[in-house]
Amino acid sequence: MRWIQSLSWPMVIFFSLTLGLAPFNPEPHVLEKITMLLNGELTKPIDMFDLMLHGTPWILLIIKSSTLFLKQPENET
């Protein structure tokens, strides 16, 4: 978990908006692959890899964001 916290916010946001959404036209790849997954059409290995590649920056962003809100209070003794 520490390596996720060590990632800088600008870097995580940058990768989410570029790699996570590329290509931008006609629709972002990650949305296309999620739609395929929900419709049961995600069967080719290349499509699974594509979902992993374009989804990873978003997963990192979600995990990094959740660590802010779920941070354990430090014991003050």
PDB file of N, CA and C in Angstrom:
ATOM      1  N   MET A   1       0.808  -1.194   0.000  1.00  0.00           N
ATOM      2  CA  MET A   1       0.000   0.000   0.000  1.00  0.00           C
ATOM      3  C   MET A   1       0.855   1.263   0.000  1.00  0.00           C
ATOM      4  N   ARG A   2       2.036   1.160   0.579  1.00  0.00           N
ATOM      5  CA  ARG A   2       2.889   2.351   0.655  1.00  0.00           C
ATOM      6  C   ARG A   2       3.337   2.835  -0.709  1.00  0.00           C
ATOM      7  N   TRP A   3       3.520   1.902  -1.647  1.00  0.00           N
ATOM      8  CA  TRP A   3       3.974   2.333  -2.977  1.00  0.00           C
ATOM      9  C   TRP A   3       2.876   3.120  -3.680  1.00  0.00           C
ATOM     10  N   ILE A   4       1.618   2.816  -3.412  1.00  0.00           N
ATOM     11  CA  ILE A   4       0.520   3.600  -3.997  1.00  0.00           C
ATOM     12  C   ILE A   4       0.500   4.990  -3.387  1.00  0.00           C
ATOM     13  N   GLN A   5       0.713   5.074  -2.079  1.00  0.00           N
ATOM     14  CA  GLN A   5       0.747   6.367  -1.416  1.00  0.00           C
ATOM     15  C   GLN A   5       1.949   7.195  -1.854  1.00  0.00           C
ATOM     16  N   SER A   6       3.013   6.531  -2.282  1.00  0.00           N
ATOM     17  CA  SER A   6       4.205   7.261  -2.708  1.00  0.00           C
ATOM     18  C   SER A   6       4.061   7.847  -4.116  1.00  0.00           C
ATOM     19  N   LEU A   7       3.070   7.382  -4.871  1.00  0.00           N
ATOM     20  CA  LEU A   7       2.841   7.945  -6.203  1.00  0.00           C
ATOM     21  C   LEU A   7       2.311   9.365  -6.070  1.00  0.00           C
ATOM     22  N   SER A   8       2.796  10.251  -6.907  1.00  0.00           N
ATOM     23  CA  SER A   8       2.345  11.640  -6.820  1.00  0.00           C
ATOM     24  C   SER A   8       0.958  11.779  -7.447  1.00  0.00           C
ATOM     25  N   TRP A   9       0.164  12.677  -6.883  1.00  0.00           N
ATOM     26  CA  TRP A   9      -1.180  12.919  -7.399  1.00  0.00           C
ATOM     27  C   TRP A   9      -1.165  13.367  -8.858  1.00  0.00           C
ATOM     28  N   PRO A  10      -0.306  14.324  -9.235  1.00  0.00           N
ATOM     29  CA  PRO A  10      -0.305  14.745 -10.646  1.00  0.00           C
ATOM     30  C   PRO A  10      -0.009  13.598 -11.612  1.00  0.00           C
ATOM     31  N   MET A  11       0.890  12.693 -11.222  1.00  0.00           N
ATOM     32  CA  MET A  11       1.230  11.574 -12.091  1.00  0.00           C
ATOM     33  C   MET A  11       0.032  10.628 -12.249  1.00  0.00           C
ATOM     34  N   VAL A  12      -0.635  10.301 -11.155  1.00  0.00           N
ATOM     35  CA  VAL A  12      -1.778   9.391 -11.209  1.00  0.00           C
ATOM     36  C   VAL A  12      -2.913  10.008 -12.022  1.00  0.00           C
ATOM     37  N   ILE A  13      -3.180  11.282 -11.811  1.00  0.00           N
ATOM     38  CA  ILE A  13      -4.244  11.966 -12.564  1.00  0.00           C
ATOM     39  C   ILE A  13      -3.875  12.061 -14.039  1.00  0.00           C
ATOM     40  N   PHE A  14      -2.615  12.381 -14.333  1.00  0.00           N
ATOM     41  CA  PHE A  14      -2.157  12.473 -15.718  1.00  0.00           C
ATOM     42  C   PHE A  14      -2.351  11.154 -16.463  1.00  0.00           C
ATOM     43  N   PHE A  15      -1.924  10.034 -15.845  1.00  0.00           N
ATOM     44  CA  PHE A  15      -2.068   8.736 -16.496  1.00  0.00           C
ATOM     45  C   PHE A  15      -3.528   8.323 -16.627  1.00  0.00           C
ATOM     46  N   SER A  16      -4.351   8.698 -15.665  1.00  0.00           N
ATOM     47  CA  SER A  16      -5.779   8.367 -15.754  1.00  0.00           C
ATOM     48  C   SER A  16      -6.428   9.100 -16.919  1.00  0.00           C
ATOM     49  N   LEU A  17      -6.065  10.357 -17.107  1.00  0.00           N
ATOM     50  CA  LEU A  17      -6.684  11.149 -18.172  1.00  0.00           C
ATOM     51  C   LEU A  17      -6.094  10.876 -19.547  1.00  0.00           C
ATOM     52  N   THR A  18      -4.866  10.400 -19.613  1.00  0.00           N
ATOM     53  CA  THR A  18      -4.269  10.131 -20.928  1.00  0.00           C
ATOM     54  C   THR A  18      -4.401   8.655 -21.289  1.00  0.00           C
ATOM     55  N   LEU A  19      -3.659   7.791 -20.616  1.00  0.00           N
ATOM     56  CA  LEU A  19      -3.707   6.361 -20.921  1.00  0.00           C
ATOM     57  C   LEU A  19      -5.066   5.774 -20.579  1.00  0.00           C
ATOM     58  N   GLY A  20      -5.676   6.256 -19.517  1.00  0.00           N
ATOM     59  CA  GLY A  20      -6.962   5.727 -19.092  1.00  0.00           C
ATOM     60  C   GLY A  20      -8.103   6.027 -20.049  1.00  0.00           C
ATOM     61  N   LEU A  21      -7.995   7.108 -20.794  1.00  0.00           N
ATOM     62  CA  LEU A  21      -9.068   7.485 -21.720  1.00  0.00           C
ATOM     63  C   LEU A  21      -8.702   7.331 -23.191  1.00  0.00           C
ATOM     64  N   ALA A  22      -7.440   7.105 -23.509  1.00  0.00           N
ATOM     65  CA  ALA A  22      -7.013   7.016 -24.907  1.00  0.00           C
ATOM     66  C   ALA A  22      -7.588   5.782 -25.584  1.00  0.00           C
ATOM     67  N   PRO A  23      -7.854   5.769 -26.833  1.00  0.00           N
ATOM     68  CA  PRO A  23      -8.043   6.918 -27.719  1.00  0.00           C
ATOM     69  C   PRO A  23      -9.355   7.623 -27.392  1.00  0.00           C
ATOM     70  N   PHE A  24      -9.405   8.898 -27.639  1.00  0.00           N
ATOM     71  CA  PHE A  24     -10.537   9.721 -27.224  1.00  0.00           C
ATOM     72  C   PHE A  24     -11.730   9.649 -28.172  1.00  0.00           C
ATOM     73  N   ASN A  25     -11.482   9.341 -29.431  1.00  0.00           N
ATOM     74  CA  ASN A  25     -12.578   9.276 -30.417  1.00  0.00           C
ATOM     75  C   ASN A  25     -12.702   7.871 -30.958  1.00  0.00           C
ATOM     76  N   PRO A  26     -13.816   7.301 -31.196  1.00  0.00           N
ATOM     77  CA  PRO A  26     -15.170   7.836 -30.988  1.00  0.00           C
ATOM     78  C   PRO A  26     -15.618   7.752 -29.536  1.00  0.00           C
ATOM     79  N   GLU A  27     -15.073   6.839 -28.745  1.00  0.00           N
ATOM     80  CA  GLU A  27     -15.313   6.816 -27.297  1.00  0.00           C
ATOM     81  C   GLU A  27     -14.066   6.269 -26.633  1.00  0.00           C
ATOM     82  N   PRO A  28     -13.842   6.640 -25.358  1.00  0.00           N
ATOM     83  CA  PRO A  28     -12.658   6.120 -24.665  1.00  0.00           C
ATOM     84  C   PRO A  28     -12.650   4.593 -24.632  1.00  0.00           C
ATOM     85  N   HIS A  29     -11.462   4.036 -24.820  1.00  0.00           N
ATOM     86  CA  HIS A  29     -11.283   2.587 -24.899  1.00  0.00           C
ATOM     87  C   HIS A  29     -11.781   1.878 -23.645  1.00  0.00           C
ATOM     88  N   VAL A  30     -11.516   2.472 -22.491  1.00  0.00           N
ATOM     89  CA  VAL A  30     -11.900   1.822 -21.244  1.00  0.00           C
ATOM     90  C   VAL A  30     -13.423   1.704 -21.148  1.00  0.00           C
ATOM     91  N   LEU A  31     -14.150   2.716 -21.616  1.00  0.00           N
ATOM     92  CA  LEU A  31     -15.614   2.637 -21.603  1.00  0.00           C
ATOM     93  C   LEU A  31     -16.118   1.579 -22.577  1.00  0.00           C
ATOM     94  N   GLU A  32     -15.482   1.487 -23.730  1.00  0.00           N
ATOM     95  CA  GLU A  32     -15.850   0.470 -24.715  1.00  0.00           C
ATOM     96  C   GLU A  32     -15.641  -0.935 -24.142  1.00  0.00           C
ATOM     97  N   LYS A  33     -14.507  -1.138 -23.464  1.00  0.00           N
ATOM     98  CA  LYS A  33     -14.197  -2.465 -22.910  1.00  0.00           C
ATOM     99  C   LYS A  33     -15.102  -2.797 -21.728  1.00  0.00           C
ATOM    100  N   ILE A  34     -15.454  -1.815 -20.914  1.00  0.00           N
ATOM    101  CA  ILE A  34     -16.382  -2.061 -19.802  1.00  0.00           C
ATOM    102  C   ILE A  34     -17.759  -2.424 -20.345  1.00  0.00           C
ATOM    103  N   THR A  35     -18.192  -1.749 -21.410  1.00  0.00           N
ATOM    104  CA  THR A  35     -19.467  -2.082 -22.045  1.00  0.00           C
ATOM    105  C   THR A  35     -19.437  -3.506 -22.584  1.00  0.00           C
ATOM    106  N   MET A  36     -18.325  -3.871 -23.219  1.00  0.00           N
ATOM    107  CA  MET A  36     -18.178  -5.243 -23.725  1.00  0.00           C
ATOM    108  C   MET A  36     -18.234  -6.250 -22.577  1.00  0.00           C
ATOM    109  N   LEU A  37     -17.598  -5.923 -21.453  1.00  0.00           N
ATOM    110  CA  LEU A  37     -17.597  -6.808 -20.292  1.00  0.00           C
ATOM    111  C   LEU A  37     -19.016  -6.993 -19.751  1.00  0.00           C
ATOM    112  N   LEU A  38     -19.757  -5.897 -19.634  1.00  0.00           N
ATOM    113  CA  LEU A  38     -21.121  -5.970 -19.113  1.00  0.00           C
ATOM    114  C   LEU A  38     -22.065  -6.716 -20.052  1.00  0.00           C
ATOM    115  N   ASN A  39     -21.789  -6.653 -21.362  1.00  0.00           N
ATOM    116  CA  ASN A  39     -22.617  -7.348 -22.347  1.00  0.00           C
ATOM    117  C   ASN A  39     -22.176  -8.791 -22.578  1.00  0.00           C
ATOM    118  N   GLY A  40     -21.101  -9.208 -21.926  1.00  0.00           N
ATOM    119  CA  GLY A  40     -20.595 -10.564 -22.096  1.00  0.00           C
ATOM    120  C   GLY A  40     -19.846 -10.777 -23.394  1.00  0.00           C
ATOM    121  N   GLU A  41     -19.361  -9.711 -23.996  1.00  0.00           N
ATOM    122  CA  GLU A  41     -18.670  -9.783 -25.289  1.00  0.00           C
ATOM    123  C   GLU A  41     -17.149  -9.708 -25.149  1.00  0.00           C
ATOM    124  N   LEU A  42     -16.649  -9.612 -23.942  1.00  0.00           N
ATOM    125  CA  LEU A  42     -15.212  -9.485 -23.719  1.00  0.00           C
ATOM    126  C   LEU A  42     -14.613 -10.886 -23.652  1.00  0.00           C
ATOM    127  N   THR A  43     -14.307 -11.449 -24.810  1.00  0.00           N
ATOM    128  CA  THR A  43     -13.841 -12.833 -24.870  1.00  0.00           C
ATOM    129  C   THR A  43     -12.429 -12.972 -25.423  1.00  0.00           C
ATOM    130  N   LYS A  44     -11.985 -12.035 -26.230  1.00  0.00           N
ATOM    131  CA  LYS A  44     -10.654 -12.125 -26.820  1.00  0.00           C
ATOM    132  C   LYS A  44      -9.591 -11.697 -25.812  1.00  0.00           C
ATOM    133  N   PRO A  45      -8.456 -12.395 -25.781  1.00  0.00           N
ATOM    134  CA  PRO A  45      -7.380 -12.017 -24.862  1.00  0.00           C
ATOM    135  C   PRO A  45      -6.885 -10.581 -25.076  1.00  0.00           C
ATOM    136  N   ILE A  46      -6.856 -10.114 -26.315  1.00  0.00           N
ATOM    137  CA  ILE A  46      -6.393  -8.750 -26.577  1.00  0.00           C
ATOM    138  C   ILE A  46      -7.336  -7.726 -25.960  1.00  0.00           C
ATOM    139  N   ASP A  47      -8.641  -8.027 -25.959  1.00  0.00           N
ATOM    140  CA  ASP A  47      -9.605  -7.118 -25.335  1.00  0.00           C
ATOM    141  C   ASP A  47      -9.455  -7.113 -23.821  1.00  0.00           C
ATOM    142  N   MET A  48      -9.169  -8.269 -23.235  1.00  0.00           N
ATOM    143  CA  MET A  48      -8.949  -8.358 -21.785  1.00  0.00           C
ATOM    144  C   MET A  48      -7.697  -7.572 -21.394  1.00  0.00           C
ATOM    145  N   PHE A  49      -6.642  -7.715 -22.200  1.00  0.00           N
ATOM    146  CA  PHE A  49      -5.416  -6.960 -21.955  1.00  0.00           C
ATOM    147  C   PHE A  49      -5.677  -5.465 -22.079  1.00  0.00           C
ATOM    148  N   ASP A  50      -6.450  -5.081 -23.092  1.00  0.00           N
ATOM    149  CA  ASP A  50      -6.797  -3.678 -23.305  1.00  0.00           C
ATOM    150  C   ASP A  50      -7.548  -3.100 -22.113  1.00  0.00           C
ATOM    151  N   LEU A  51      -8.487  -3.866 -21.562  1.00  0.00           N
ATOM    152  CA  LEU A  51      -9.229  -3.410 -20.389  1.00  0.00           C
ATOM    153  C   LEU A  51      -8.275  -3.235 -19.210  1.00  0.00           C
ATOM    154  N   MET A  52      -7.362  -4.177 -19.030  1.00  0.00           N
ATOM    155  CA  MET A  52      -6.392  -4.082 -17.944  1.00  0.00           C
ATOM    156  C   MET A  52      -5.486  -2.862 -18.134  1.00  0.00           C
ATOM    157  N   LEU A  53      -5.006  -2.663 -19.356  1.00  0.00           N
ATOM    158  CA  LEU A  53      -4.086  -1.555 -19.648  1.00  0.00           C
ATOM    159  C   LEU A  53      -4.740  -0.203 -19.412  1.00  0.00           C
ATOM    160  N   HIS A  54      -5.950  -0.021 -19.931  1.00  0.00           N
ATOM    161  CA  HIS A  54      -6.619   1.273 -19.817  1.00  0.00           C
ATOM    162  C   HIS A  54      -7.326   1.444 -18.471  1.00  0.00           C
ATOM    163  N   GLY A  55      -7.578   0.352 -17.760  1.00  0.00           N
ATOM    164  CA  GLY A  55      -8.256   0.434 -16.475  1.00  0.00           C
ATOM    165  C   GLY A  55      -7.330   0.609 -15.289  1.00  0.00           C
ATOM    166  N   THR A  56      -6.073   0.186 -15.424  1.00  0.00           N
ATOM    167  CA  THR A  56      -5.127   0.260 -14.313  1.00  0.00           C
ATOM    168  C   THR A  56      -4.944   1.670 -13.754  1.00  0.00           C
ATOM    169  N   PRO A  57      -4.785   2.709 -14.583  1.00  0.00           N
ATOM    170  CA  PRO A  57      -4.640   4.055 -14.005  1.00  0.00           C
ATOM    171  C   PRO A  57      -5.860   4.471 -13.182  1.00  0.00           C
ATOM    172  N   TRP A  58      -7.045   4.067 -13.616  1.00  0.00           N
ATOM    173  CA  TRP A  58      -8.267   4.421 -12.877  1.00  0.00           C
ATOM    174  C   TRP A  58      -8.339   3.667 -11.558  1.00  0.00           C
ATOM    175  N   ILE A  59      -7.932   2.402 -11.562  1.00  0.00           N
ATOM    176  CA  ILE A  59      -7.915   1.618 -10.326  1.00  0.00           C
ATOM    177  C   ILE A  59      -6.939   2.239  -9.330  1.00  0.00           C
ATOM    178  N   LEU A  60      -5.753   2.637  -9.815  1.00  0.00           N
ATOM    179  CA  LEU A  60      -4.780   3.289  -8.934  1.00  0.00           C
ATOM    180  C   LEU A  60      -5.337   4.588  -8.369  1.00  0.00           C
ATOM    181  N   LEU A  61      -6.033   5.363  -9.201  1.00  0.00           N
ATOM    182  CA  LEU A  61      -6.624   6.616  -8.743  1.00  0.00           C
ATOM    183  C   LEU A  61      -7.688   6.364  -7.671  1.00  0.00           C
ATOM    184  N   ILE A  62      -8.505   5.353  -7.867  1.00  0.00           N
ATOM    185  CA  ILE A  62      -9.545   5.017  -6.889  1.00  0.00           C
ATOM    186  C   ILE A  62      -8.915   4.558  -5.575  1.00  0.00           C
ATOM    187  N   ILE A  63      -7.899   3.702  -5.662  1.00  0.00           N
ATOM    188  CA  ILE A  63      -7.247   3.216  -4.443  1.00  0.00           C
ATOM    189  C   ILE A  63      -6.557   4.353  -3.711  1.00  0.00           C
ATOM    190  N   LYS A  64      -5.845   5.195  -4.464  1.00  0.00           N
ATOM    191  CA  LYS A  64      -5.144   6.327  -3.836  1.00  0.00           C
ATOM    192  C   LYS A  64      -6.140   7.287  -3.194  1.00  0.00           C
ATOM    193  N   SER A  65      -7.257   7.534  -3.840  1.00  0.00           N
ATOM    194  CA  SER A  65      -8.284   8.409  -3.275  1.00  0.00           C
ATOM    195  C   SER A  65      -8.904   7.803  -2.025  1.00  0.00           C
ATOM    196  N   SER A  66      -9.147   6.507  -2.062  1.00  0.00           N
ATOM    197  CA  SER A  66      -9.780   5.857  -0.917  1.00  0.00           C
ATOM    198  C   SER A  66      -8.871   5.847   0.307  1.00  0.00           C
ATOM    199  N   THR A  67      -7.554   5.861   0.091  1.00  0.00           N
ATOM    200  CA  THR A  67      -6.654   5.887   1.244  1.00  0.00           C
ATOM    201  C   THR A  67      -6.769   7.205   1.998  1.00  0.00           C
ATOM    202  N   LEU A  68      -7.159   8.278   1.320  1.00  0.00           N
ATOM    203  CA  LEU A  68      -7.351   9.556   2.002  1.00  0.00           C
ATOM    204  C   LEU A  68      -8.550   9.504   2.937  1.00  0.00           C
ATOM    205  N   PHE A  69      -9.627   8.883   2.472  1.00  0.00           N
ATOM    206  CA  PHE A  69     -10.863   8.868   3.231  1.00  0.00           C
ATOM    207  C   PHE A  69     -10.905   7.757   4.269  1.00  0.00           C
ATOM    208  N   LEU A  70     -10.167   6.702   4.047  1.00  0.00           N
ATOM    209  CA  LEU A  70     -10.187   5.563   4.959  1.00  0.00           C
ATOM    210  C   LEU A  70      -8.933   5.487   5.829  1.00  0.00           C
ATOM    211  N   LYS A  71      -8.208   6.583   5.876  1.00  0.00           N
ATOM    212  CA  LYS A  71      -6.955   6.608   6.625  1.00  0.00           C
ATOM    213  C   LYS A  71      -7.227   6.355   8.106  1.00  0.00           C
ATOM    214  N   GLN A  72      -6.446   5.465   8.689  1.00  0.00           N
ATOM    215  CA  GLN A  72      -6.593   5.127  10.094  1.00  0.00           C
ATOM    216  C   GLN A  72      -6.060   6.286  10.944  1.00  0.00           C
ATOM    217  N   PRO A  73      -6.805   6.690  11.966  1.00  0.00           N
ATOM    218  CA  PRO A  73      -6.278   7.749  12.850  1.00  0.00           C
ATOM    219  C   PRO A  73      -5.068   7.234  13.610  1.00  0.00           C
ATOM    220  N   GLU A  74      -4.104   8.101  13.766  1.00  0.00           N
ATOM    221  CA  GLU A  74      -2.894   7.713  14.478  1.00  0.00           C
ATOM    222  C   GLU A  74      -3.163   7.750  15.983  1.00  0.00           C
ATOM    223  N   ASN A  75      -2.571   6.795  16.667  1.00  0.00           N
ATOM    224  CA  ASN A  75      -2.721   6.748  18.121  1.00  0.00           C
ATOM    225  C   ASN A  75      -1.908   7.849  18.775  1.00  0.00           C
ATOM    226  N   GLU A  76      -2.573   8.645  19.564  1.00  0.00           N
ATOM    227  CA  GLU A  76      -1.866   9.706  20.292  1.00  0.00           C
ATOM    228  C   GLU A  76      -1.782   9.303  21.747  1.00  0.00           C
ATOM    229  N   THR A  77      -0.605   8.963  22.187  1.00  0.00           N
ATOM    230  CA  THR A  77      -0.432   8.569  23.594  1.00  0.00           C
ATOM    231  C   THR A  77       0.624   9.390  24.244  1.00  0.00           C
TER     232      THR A  77
END
